[in-house]
Protein backbone atom coordinates (compact mmCIF):
# COMPACT_ATOMS: atom_id res chain seq x y z
CA UNK A 1 -9.30 -3.88 28.17
CA UNK A 2 -7.41 -6.51 30.09
CA UNK A 3 -3.85 -5.43 30.82
CA UNK A 4 -0.93 -7.38 29.37
CA UNK A 5 -2.70 -9.14 26.47
CA UNK A 6 -2.75 -6.39 23.82
CA UNK A 7 0.21 -5.41 21.61
CA UNK A 8 1.80 -2.02 22.11
CA UNK A 9 0.14 0.76 20.09
CA UNK A 10 2.78 3.31 19.11
CA UNK A 11 3.84 5.71 16.32
CA UNK A 12 5.16 3.97 13.17
CA UNK A 13 6.31 5.33 9.80
CA UNK A 14 4.91 3.58 6.72
CA UNK A 15 7.04 4.17 3.62
CA UNK A 16 6.04 3.60 -0.02
CA UNK A 17 9.38 3.27 -1.75
CA UNK A 18 7.92 3.24 -5.26
CA UNK A 19 6.32 6.66 -4.81
CA UNK A 20 8.95 8.09 -2.42
CA UNK A 21 6.19 8.80 0.11
CA UNK A 22 6.09 8.23 3.86
CA UNK A 23 3.58 8.97 6.57
CA UNK A 24 3.59 8.75 10.35
CA UNK A 25 0.67 7.06 12.04
CA UNK A 26 -0.01 4.83 15.03
CA UNK A 27 0.02 1.05 14.70
CA UNK A 28 0.75 -2.21 16.48
CA UNK A 29 3.02 -3.32 13.61
CA UNK A 30 6.66 -3.90 14.51
CA UNK A 31 9.92 -3.55 12.63
CA UNK A 32 13.62 -3.86 13.36
CA UNK A 33 14.46 -0.96 11.02
CA UNK A 34 14.10 2.65 12.14
CA UNK A 35 14.02 6.06 10.48
CA UNK A 36 14.54 9.58 11.78
CA UNK A 37 11.36 11.58 11.12
CA UNK A 38 11.14 15.32 10.42
CA UNK A 39 10.39 16.04 14.10
CA UNK A 40 13.82 14.65 15.05
CA UNK A 41 12.48 11.48 16.72
CA UNK A 42 13.32 7.96 15.60
CA UNK A 43 10.43 5.63 14.70
CA UNK A 44 10.15 2.08 13.37
CA UNK A 45 9.69 2.07 9.59
CA UNK A 46 7.63 -0.43 7.58
CA UNK A 47 8.00 -0.52 3.78
CA UNK A 48 4.78 -1.07 1.85
CA UNK A 49 4.29 -1.85 -1.84
CA UNK A 50 1.17 0.24 -2.38
CA UNK A 51 -0.11 3.37 -0.68
CA UNK A 52 -2.44 6.21 -1.60
CA UNK A 53 0.51 7.87 -3.37
CA UNK A 54 1.06 4.98 -5.79
CA UNK A 55 -2.30 3.20 -6.15
CA UNK A 56 -4.03 3.97 -9.49
CA UNK A 57 -7.42 4.49 -7.82
CA UNK A 58 -6.12 7.38 -5.71
CA UNK A 59 -3.72 8.90 -8.25
CA UNK A 60 -6.08 8.81 -11.23
CA UNK A 61 -3.39 7.23 -13.40
CA UNK A 62 -5.14 3.92 -13.99
CA UNK A 63 -4.24 1.51 -16.74
CA UNK A 64 -6.58 1.14 -19.68
CA UNK A 65 -7.73 -2.45 -20.15
CA UNK A 66 -8.65 -3.56 -23.65
CA UNK A 67 -12.00 -5.13 -22.83
CA UNK A 68 -13.27 -5.01 -26.41
CA UNK A 69 -10.29 -7.02 -27.61
CA UNK A 70 -10.84 -9.60 -24.90
CA UNK A 71 -14.51 -10.01 -25.76
CA UNK A 72 -13.72 -10.39 -29.46
CA UNK A 73 -11.03 -12.95 -28.72
CA UNK A 74 -13.47 -14.89 -26.52
CA UNK A 75 -16.10 -14.82 -29.27
CA UNK A 76 -13.58 -16.13 -31.82
CA UNK A 77 -12.56 -19.00 -29.56
CA UNK A 78 -15.85 -20.02 -27.98
CA UNK A 79 -18.54 -18.09 -29.84
CA UNK A 80 -21.33 -19.57 -31.90
CA UNK A 81 -20.28 -21.24 -35.12
């Protein structure tokens, strides 16, 4: 790698506020806000809308979509006469 052209790769806390879940990882993302982590160190914090703690695919709490009702409604509107 050429020196001086890559962003700094450092520990960052990603926080899912909806699920009250945070995890420490390494990233090049930056933030002006900081948080004190459980190890006593202060890290930049980035708030995210969806994480594995709140996404329906990972939690198993998916929403049921009424596909039968949609098909019937489509058939009523555009179906054969």
